[in-house]
């Protein structure tokens, strides 16, 4: 059955965004950016440095601790043609931590630039690390649309694939910045709390945080927790179909530890998510709990949240407490303290929020799934928020300004 949400026309989420309103570089001081506050359908503004004063009392603040990898590699053919390989997702081994520790070879799902110049054969490049020359080879195995399986191998087992990316890879900044990656991006395009390598795009709401703000949160009694969602290139993929029914959400890998789930249970819906990636991770937990209610011994693959699962009434019947306890029981049965799976969740108007009461998020592209998420959270009032931001010269997208969206607590939990 096609739901009302699936019939949403993406043109209704379009707005004019002049190129000059897109921030090409961040401000010199991360927390000096502007903060739009949307609460009780009222809009005010502040400096991001004053964020702690506007968070709900005793809220649990959840951050995505993923770290952007230098996922873009350039090779030269003997003919001189430059081939770009953009590592998107690990294939063998099928785990970010493991693949970055490989010392002989690994396979990634990749995008390939200038593909017409690479018909067959291996590509090779020499990488220098601490005075040692390492040869890295790339071989194309199979293709499906724009997705290509590329096997990398190298001739020195003293170095991991992660070492090679750090030495020779390019940090992939968003395409809408229309510029090459610069040295400053290596620091600016990482959050100060990033830890777990795996993303090809930053969870940009977190770019505004500084150690000082984190200390303020602690001193004011806010609890902090971290989840991991590795952001894929699909986050920049606009909805091109007339209705969102035909849009295929990308898969993103998530990791949440047992302690964090216990803290979410104690928070009882009073949760502020830093960024849409944290929102998608947290809200996916409810539906993972629903799956476990029906199949307690589900595999990690069976726990992957399908994009339309939230819009079936039968999947919204259990309480948040039951859903989270189902996950805790699952982890206990499997003698692990960490939930590892993936999500393709689509959050759009018509979505019922289960965990998240507040969102800290930047201003997103027109006709994007991220804008659909904002509209769902703001009960359809995204236009008022974005019209205010445009009229008052807020800076947009990854390096732009931020917003704090707050819902009443009784509508944020089940």
Protein backbone atom coordinates (compact mmCIF):
# COMPACT_ATOMS: atom_id res chain seq x y z
CA UNK A 1 0.00 0.00 0.00
CA UNK A 2 1.35 3.41 -0.99
CA UNK A 3 1.25 5.80 1.96
CA UNK A 4 0.46 9.48 1.96
CA UNK A 5 4.11 10.19 2.75
CA UNK A 6 5.28 8.30 -0.34
CA UNK A 7 3.01 10.48 -2.49
CA UNK A 8 4.73 13.72 -1.36
CA UNK A 9 5.82 15.82 -4.35
CA UNK A 10 9.42 16.92 -3.94
CA UNK A 11 8.73 20.19 -5.77
CA UNK A 12 6.89 21.32 -2.63
CA UNK A 13 10.29 21.31 -0.90
CA UNK A 14 12.06 23.56 -3.33
CA UNK A 15 13.29 27.06 -2.56
CA UNK A 16 15.66 29.55 -4.24
CA UNK A 17 19.23 29.23 -2.91
CA UNK A 18 21.61 31.70 -4.60
CA UNK A 19 25.20 30.46 -4.81
CA UNK A 20 26.40 33.44 -2.79
CA UNK A 21 24.37 32.21 0.19
CA UNK A 22 26.31 28.94 0.30
CA UNK A 23 29.22 29.27 2.75
CA UNK A 24 32.35 28.22 0.86
CA UNK A 25 34.53 28.33 3.98
CA UNK A 26 33.74 28.19 7.72
CA UNK A 27 34.11 31.11 10.10
CA UNK A 28 37.47 31.44 11.83
CA UNK A 29 35.87 30.57 15.19
CA UNK A 30 33.53 27.59 15.01
CA UNK A 31 31.07 28.72 17.69
CA UNK A 32 30.75 32.31 16.42
CA UNK A 33 28.24 31.13 13.82
CA UNK A 34 24.62 32.20 14.07
CA UNK A 35 21.95 30.02 15.61
CA UNK A 36 18.29 30.14 14.55
CA UNK A 37 16.01 28.89 17.34
CA UNK A 38 12.59 27.44 16.45
CA UNK A 39 10.39 26.68 19.45
CA UNK A 40 6.61 26.84 19.92
CA UNK A 41 6.36 28.00 16.28
CA UNK A 42 8.39 31.10 17.20
CA UNK A 43 11.72 32.02 15.61
CA UNK A 44 14.52 33.85 17.40
CA UNK A 45 18.27 33.93 16.87
CA UNK A 46 21.44 33.78 18.91
CA UNK A 47 25.13 33.03 18.61
CA UNK A 48 26.02 29.35 18.64
CA UNK A 49 28.35 29.98 21.58
CA UNK A 50 25.18 30.55 23.69
CA UNK A 51 23.60 27.23 22.68
CA UNK A 52 23.62 25.62 26.18
CA UNK A 53 21.29 28.32 27.50
CA UNK A 54 18.56 27.26 25.05
CA UNK A 55 18.59 23.49 25.37
CA UNK A 56 15.75 21.77 27.26
CA UNK A 57 16.56 21.22 30.93
CA UNK A 58 18.23 17.91 31.75
CA UNK A 59 18.30 16.91 28.08
CA UNK A 60 20.51 14.11 26.85
CA UNK A 61 22.60 15.50 23.97
CA UNK A 62 23.66 12.92 21.39
CA UNK A 63 26.57 13.40 18.97
CA UNK A 64 27.72 11.42 15.93
CA UNK A 65 31.41 10.68 16.49
CA UNK A 66 32.19 9.53 12.94
CA UNK A 67 35.37 10.86 11.32
CA UNK A 68 35.74 11.72 7.62
CA UNK A 69 38.34 9.67 5.77
CA UNK A 70 40.49 10.86 2.87
CA UNK A 71 38.40 8.73 0.53
CA UNK A 72 39.32 10.24 -2.85
CA UNK A 73 42.35 8.75 -4.65
CA UNK A 74 43.85 9.91 -7.95
CA UNK A 75 45.75 7.64 -10.33
CA UNK A 76 47.57 8.43 -13.58
CA UNK A 77 47.54 6.09 -16.55
CA UNK A 78 50.64 5.76 -18.70
CA UNK A 79 48.78 7.87 -21.27
CA UNK A 80 48.57 10.69 -18.73
CA UNK A 81 44.81 10.38 -18.16
CA UNK A 82 43.81 11.06 -14.54
CA UNK A 83 41.40 8.57 -12.96
CA UNK A 84 39.59 9.47 -9.75
CA UNK A 85 38.48 6.69 -7.40
CA UNK A 86 36.12 7.66 -4.58
CA UNK A 87 35.89 4.96 -1.88
CA UNK A 88 32.29 4.83 -0.69
CA UNK A 89 31.65 1.63 1.22
CA UNK A 90 33.73 -1.38 2.35
CA UNK A 91 33.04 -4.68 0.59
CA UNK A 92 35.85 -7.07 1.66
CA UNK A 93 36.07 -6.95 4.58
CA UNK A 94 32.58 -5.52 5.04
CA UNK A 95 33.51 -3.41 8.05
CA UNK A 96 35.07 0.06 8.22
CA UNK A 97 37.39 -0.64 11.14
CA UNK A 98 38.64 -3.90 9.63
CA UNK A 99 39.13 -2.63 6.09
CA UNK A 100 41.17 0.36 7.22
CA UNK A 101 43.45 -2.05 9.12
CA UNK A 102 44.06 -4.36 6.13
CA UNK A 103 47.75 -4.76 5.26
CA UNK A 104 47.65 -6.54 1.88
CA UNK A 105 44.48 -5.87 -0.09
CA UNK A 106 40.84 -4.82 0.26
CA UNK A 107 37.79 -4.17 -1.91
CA UNK A 108 35.56 -1.09 -1.86
CA UNK A 109 32.40 0.01 -3.61
CA UNK A 110 33.54 3.16 -5.43
CA UNK A 111 32.61 5.95 -7.77
CA UNK A 112 35.06 6.36 -10.66
CA UNK A 113 35.78 9.64 -12.40
CA UNK A 114 36.94 9.63 -16.05
CA UNK A 115 35.84 6.00 -16.30
CA UNK A 116 35.89 6.04 -20.11
CA UNK A 117 39.68 6.28 -19.97
CA UNK A 118 39.94 3.15 -17.79
CA UNK A 119 38.66 0.22 -19.80
CA UNK A 120 40.80 -2.53 -18.29
CA UNK A 121 44.03 -3.32 -16.45
CA UNK A 122 45.43 -2.21 -13.12
CA UNK A 123 46.18 1.35 -12.15
CA UNK A 124 49.28 2.04 -10.05
CA UNK A 125 50.62 4.93 -7.98
CA UNK A 126 53.62 5.37 -5.72
CA UNK A 127 53.01 6.65 -2.22
CA UNK A 128 55.77 7.91 0.06
CA UNK A 129 55.35 7.43 3.83
CA UNK A 130 58.22 8.36 6.16
CA UNK A 131 60.70 8.02 3.32
CA UNK A 132 59.37 4.61 2.25
CA UNK A 133 57.96 4.17 -1.26
CA UNK A 134 54.86 1.97 -1.49
CA UNK A 135 53.16 0.97 -4.73
CA UNK A 136 49.34 0.93 -4.59
CA UNK A 137 47.38 -0.86 -7.31
CA UNK A 138 43.67 -0.53 -8.17
CA UNK A 139 41.78 -3.14 -10.18
CA UNK A 140 38.17 -2.87 -11.37
CA UNK A 141 36.21 -6.09 -10.71
CA UNK A 142 32.54 -5.47 -11.46
CA UNK A 143 30.11 -2.62 -11.98
CA UNK A 144 26.45 -1.90 -11.27
CA UNK A 145 25.37 1.48 -12.56
CA UNK A 146 27.69 4.10 -11.07
CA UNK A 147 28.88 1.67 -8.40
CA UNK A 148 32.16 -0.12 -9.12
CA UNK A 149 33.88 -2.81 -7.07
CA UNK A 150 37.57 -1.87 -6.85
CA UNK A 151 40.24 -4.07 -5.28
CA UNK A 152 43.27 -2.27 -3.89
CA UNK A 153 46.56 -4.04 -3.18
CA UNK A 154 49.99 -2.80 -2.14
CA UNK A 155 53.52 -4.09 -1.74
CA UNK A 156 54.38 -3.30 1.88
CA UNK A 157 52.56 -5.06 4.73
CA UNK A 158 53.98 -2.63 7.27
CA UNK A 159 51.29 -0.14 6.23
CA UNK A 160 47.51 -0.39 6.47
CA UNK A 161 45.03 0.83 3.90
CA UNK A 162 44.14 3.53 6.40
CA UNK A 163 47.79 4.66 6.35
CA UNK A 164 47.70 4.84 2.55
CA UNK A 165 44.52 6.92 2.53
CA UNK A 166 45.99 9.30 5.11
CA UNK A 167 49.14 9.70 3.01
CA UNK A 168 47.69 9.89 -0.50
CA UNK A 169 43.93 10.34 -0.25
CA UNK A 170 42.05 13.61 -0.58
CA UNK A 171 39.40 14.66 1.95
CA UNK A 172 36.10 14.76 -0.01
CA UNK A 173 34.42 18.11 0.65
CA UNK A 174 30.83 18.61 -0.61
CA UNK A 175 30.40 19.06 -4.39
CA UNK A 176 28.28 22.19 -3.95
CA UNK A 177 31.30 24.11 -2.63
CA UNK A 178 32.60 24.13 -6.22
CA UNK A 179 36.25 24.17 -5.17
CA UNK A 180 39.14 21.84 -4.50
CA UNK A 181 39.94 20.57 -1.02
CA UNK A 182 42.38 22.87 0.78
CA UNK A 183 44.77 22.19 3.65
CA UNK A 184 42.45 24.01 6.06
CA UNK A 185 39.63 21.55 5.29
CA UNK A 186 41.60 18.72 6.91
CA UNK A 187 40.80 20.31 10.27
CA UNK A 188 37.74 22.42 9.50
CA UNK A 189 35.74 19.54 7.98
CA UNK A 190 36.07 17.36 11.09
CA UNK A 191 34.16 17.78 14.34
CA UNK A 192 36.32 18.31 17.43
CA UNK A 193 34.93 15.06 18.88
CA UNK A 194 35.32 12.86 15.76
CA UNK A 195 36.84 9.46 16.56
CA UNK A 196 35.63 6.57 14.39
CA UNK A 197 36.90 6.69 10.80
CA UNK A 198 34.45 5.83 8.03
CA UNK A 199 32.48 8.81 6.67
CA UNK A 200 32.90 10.41 3.27
CA UNK A 201 31.01 13.51 4.46
CA UNK A 202 31.02 15.28 7.81
CA UNK A 203 28.04 15.40 10.19
CA UNK A 204 28.12 19.15 9.71
CA UNK A 205 25.88 20.29 12.58
CA UNK A 206 28.72 19.20 14.84
CA UNK A 207 31.24 21.50 13.14
CA UNK A 208 30.02 24.39 15.33
CA UNK A 209 31.01 22.74 18.60
CA UNK A 210 34.21 23.65 20.45
CA UNK A 211 35.81 22.12 23.54
CA UNK A 212 34.51 25.13 25.48
CA UNK A 213 30.88 24.44 24.52
CA UNK A 214 31.27 20.77 25.42
CA UNK A 215 32.62 21.84 28.82
CA UNK A 216 29.67 24.20 29.25
CA UNK A 217 27.25 21.35 28.59
CA UNK A 218 28.97 19.29 31.26
CA UNK A 219 29.04 22.12 33.80
CA UNK A 220 25.33 22.84 33.27
CA UNK A 221 24.40 19.22 33.96
CA UNK A 222 23.58 18.05 30.43
CA UNK A 223 24.45 14.44 29.77
CA UNK A 224 26.35 13.63 26.58
CA UNK A 225 26.37 10.41 24.58
CA UNK A 226 27.83 9.42 21.23
CA UNK A 227 26.61 7.20 18.41
CA UNK A 228 28.30 6.37 15.12
CA UNK A 229 26.69 6.69 11.71
CA UNK A 230 29.12 6.68 8.79
CA UNK A 231 27.84 9.30 6.35
CA UNK A 232 27.78 8.20 2.71
CA UNK A 233 27.91 10.24 -0.48
CA UNK A 234 24.18 9.58 -0.82
CA UNK A 235 23.60 12.35 1.72
CA UNK A 236 24.17 14.82 -1.16
CA UNK A 237 21.85 12.97 -3.55
CA UNK A 238 18.85 15.16 -4.43
CA UNK A 239 15.41 13.66 -4.91
CA UNK A 240 14.99 13.60 -8.69
CA UNK A 241 11.68 11.75 -8.93
CA UNK A 242 8.39 13.65 -8.95
CA UNK A 243 7.26 11.97 -5.74
CA UNK A 244 9.51 10.64 -3.01
CA UNK A 245 8.15 7.11 -3.48
CA UNK A 246 10.70 6.46 -6.25
CA UNK A 247 13.67 7.83 -4.29
CA UNK A 248 15.98 5.11 -2.98
CA UNK A 249 17.58 5.94 0.35
CA UNK A 250 21.24 5.06 0.73
CA UNK A 251 22.46 2.58 3.34
CA UNK A 252 24.39 4.00 6.27
CA UNK A 253 26.18 1.93 8.90
CA UNK A 254 25.45 2.59 12.56
CA UNK A 255 27.00 1.60 15.86
CA UNK A 256 25.41 2.26 19.28
CA UNK A 257 26.76 0.90 22.54
CA UNK A 258 24.77 -0.57 25.39
CA UNK A 259 25.42 2.32 27.79
CA UNK A 260 24.04 4.84 25.30
CA UNK A 261 20.84 2.81 24.88
CA UNK A 262 20.46 2.70 28.68
CA UNK A 263 20.86 6.49 28.80
CA UNK A 264 18.27 6.92 26.04
CA UNK A 265 15.89 4.77 28.05
CA UNK A 266 16.43 6.95 31.13
CA UNK A 267 15.99 10.16 29.08
CA UNK A 268 12.42 9.12 28.18
CA UNK A 269 12.22 11.27 25.06
CA UNK A 270 14.12 14.32 26.37
CA UNK A 271 16.86 13.92 23.76
CA UNK A 272 18.58 16.53 21.58
CA UNK A 273 20.29 15.11 18.49
CA UNK A 274 23.27 16.93 17.02
CA UNK A 275 22.68 16.64 13.28
CA UNK A 276 20.36 14.71 11.02
CA UNK A 277 22.75 11.74 11.11
CA UNK A 278 22.21 11.43 14.86
CA UNK A 279 18.44 11.77 14.31
CA UNK A 280 18.43 8.92 11.78
CA UNK A 281 20.50 6.73 14.07
CA UNK A 282 18.34 7.37 17.13
CA UNK A 283 15.00 7.01 15.39
CA UNK A 284 16.21 3.81 13.71
CA UNK A 285 16.66 2.30 17.18
CA UNK A 286 12.90 2.31 17.74
CA UNK A 287 12.29 0.29 14.56
CA UNK A 288 15.15 -2.08 15.34
CA UNK A 289 13.32 -2.70 18.62
CA UNK A 290 10.13 -3.35 16.65
CA UNK A 291 11.92 -5.91 14.47
CA UNK A 292 13.25 -7.65 17.58
CA UNK A 293 9.74 -7.78 19.04
CA UNK A 294 8.74 -9.92 16.06
CA UNK A 295 12.05 -11.76 15.59
CA UNK A 296 14.19 -11.79 18.77
CA UNK A 297 17.06 -13.65 17.08
CA UNK A 298 17.30 -11.42 14.01
CA UNK A 299 20.69 -11.15 12.31
CA UNK A 300 22.37 -7.72 11.93
CA UNK A 301 21.26 -7.78 8.28
CA UNK A 302 17.65 -8.39 9.31
CA UNK A 303 17.85 -5.42 11.69
CA UNK A 304 18.54 -2.95 8.87
CA UNK A 305 15.73 -0.39 8.89
CA UNK A 306 13.95 -0.12 5.55
CA UNK A 307 13.11 3.39 4.38
CA UNK A 308 9.33 2.89 4.45
CA UNK A 309 9.08 0.76 7.59
CA UNK A 310 8.05 3.74 9.81
CA UNK A 311 4.94 4.45 7.73
CA UNK A 312 3.17 1.16 8.39
CA UNK A 313 0.82 1.46 11.37
CA UNK A 314 1.70 -2.04 12.59
CA UNK A 315 5.30 -0.89 13.11
CA UNK A 316 4.37 1.87 15.58
CA UNK A 317 2.47 -0.03 18.22
CA UNK A 318 5.02 -0.74 20.94
CA UNK A 319 6.32 1.80 23.44
CA UNK A 320 9.77 3.38 23.24
CA UNK A 321 10.64 1.67 26.53
CA UNK A 322 9.78 -1.74 25.08
CA UNK A 323 11.69 -1.09 21.87
CA UNK A 324 14.90 -0.08 23.67
CA UNK A 325 14.62 -2.92 26.16
CA UNK A 326 14.29 -5.32 23.22
CA UNK A 327 17.67 -4.09 21.97
CA UNK A 328 19.27 -4.40 25.41
CA UNK A 329 17.96 -7.96 25.72
CA UNK A 330 19.29 -8.75 22.23
CA UNK A 331 22.75 -7.44 23.10
CA UNK A 332 22.74 -9.40 26.35
CA UNK A 333 21.75 -12.65 24.59
CA UNK A 334 24.50 -12.16 22.05
CA UNK A 335 27.06 -11.25 24.73
CA UNK A 336 28.03 -7.97 23.11
CA UNK A 337 27.86 -4.39 24.32
CA UNK A 338 27.49 -2.80 20.89
CA UNK A 339 24.70 -2.80 18.30
CA UNK A 340 26.15 -2.93 14.77
CA UNK A 341 23.77 -2.72 11.81
CA UNK A 342 22.62 -0.22 9.15
CA UNK A 343 19.69 2.00 8.28
CA UNK A 344 17.93 3.30 5.19
CA UNK A 345 15.31 5.20 7.18
CA UNK A 346 13.41 7.95 5.36
CA UNK A 347 12.13 10.65 7.70
CA UNK A 348 9.58 12.83 5.93
CA UNK A 349 6.25 14.54 6.75
CA UNK A 350 3.99 11.93 8.29
CA UNK A 351 6.80 10.45 10.37
CA UNK A 352 6.13 9.91 14.08
CA UNK A 353 9.18 10.78 16.21
CA UNK A 354 9.88 8.38 19.05
CA UNK A 355 13.18 9.47 20.65
CA UNK A 356 14.17 12.94 19.53
CA UNK A 357 12.81 16.13 21.11
CA UNK A 358 15.35 18.60 19.70
CA UNK A 359 17.60 18.81 16.65
CA UNK A 360 20.69 20.94 16.05
CA UNK A 361 21.11 21.13 12.29
CA UNK A 362 22.46 23.31 9.48
CA UNK A 363 20.41 24.64 6.55
CA UNK A 364 19.99 22.06 3.83
CA UNK A 365 19.75 21.92 0.05
CA UNK A 366 16.43 22.36 -1.75
CA UNK A 367 14.60 19.12 -2.67
CA UNK A 368 16.75 17.04 -0.32
CA UNK A 369 15.80 14.24 2.06
CA UNK A 370 17.35 16.32 4.85
CA UNK A 371 14.86 19.11 4.20
CA UNK A 372 12.08 16.52 4.34
CA UNK A 373 13.36 15.52 7.79
CA UNK A 374 13.32 19.13 9.00
CA UNK A 375 9.75 19.55 7.71
CA UNK A 376 8.65 16.39 9.50
CA UNK A 377 10.15 17.60 12.76
CA UNK A 378 8.76 21.15 12.45
CA UNK A 379 5.26 19.89 11.61
CA UNK A 380 5.51 21.25 8.08
CA UNK A 381 6.74 24.73 9.05
CA UNK A 382 10.08 24.44 7.27
CA UNK A 383 9.23 27.32 4.91
CA UNK A 384 8.92 29.82 7.77
CA UNK A 385 12.29 28.73 9.11
CA UNK A 386 14.04 28.91 5.75
CA UNK A 387 12.38 32.16 4.69
CA UNK A 388 13.60 33.75 7.93
CA UNK A 389 17.11 32.42 7.37
CA UNK A 390 17.20 33.71 3.79
CA UNK A 391 15.74 37.09 4.69
CA UNK A 392 18.23 37.54 7.54
CA UNK A 393 21.38 36.54 5.67
CA UNK A 394 22.11 33.24 7.36
CA UNK A 395 24.86 31.19 5.73
CA UNK A 396 23.74 27.88 4.21
CA UNK A 397 24.90 24.26 3.90
CA UNK A 398 27.93 22.46 5.38
CA UNK A 399 30.06 25.43 6.42
CA UNK A 400 27.07 27.67 7.11
CA UNK A 401 25.09 28.66 10.19
CA UNK A 402 22.97 26.41 12.37
CA UNK A 403 19.50 26.00 13.85
CA UNK A 404 18.04 24.54 17.03
CA UNK A 405 14.58 23.01 16.58
CA UNK A 406 12.65 22.07 19.72
CA UNK A 407 9.38 20.16 20.08
CA UNK A 408 7.24 19.97 23.24
CA UNK A 409 8.26 16.95 25.25
CA UNK A 410 4.81 15.33 25.16
CA UNK A 411 4.94 15.17 21.33
CA UNK A 412 8.49 13.90 21.21
CA UNK A 413 7.90 10.57 22.94
CA UNK A 414 5.40 7.79 22.66
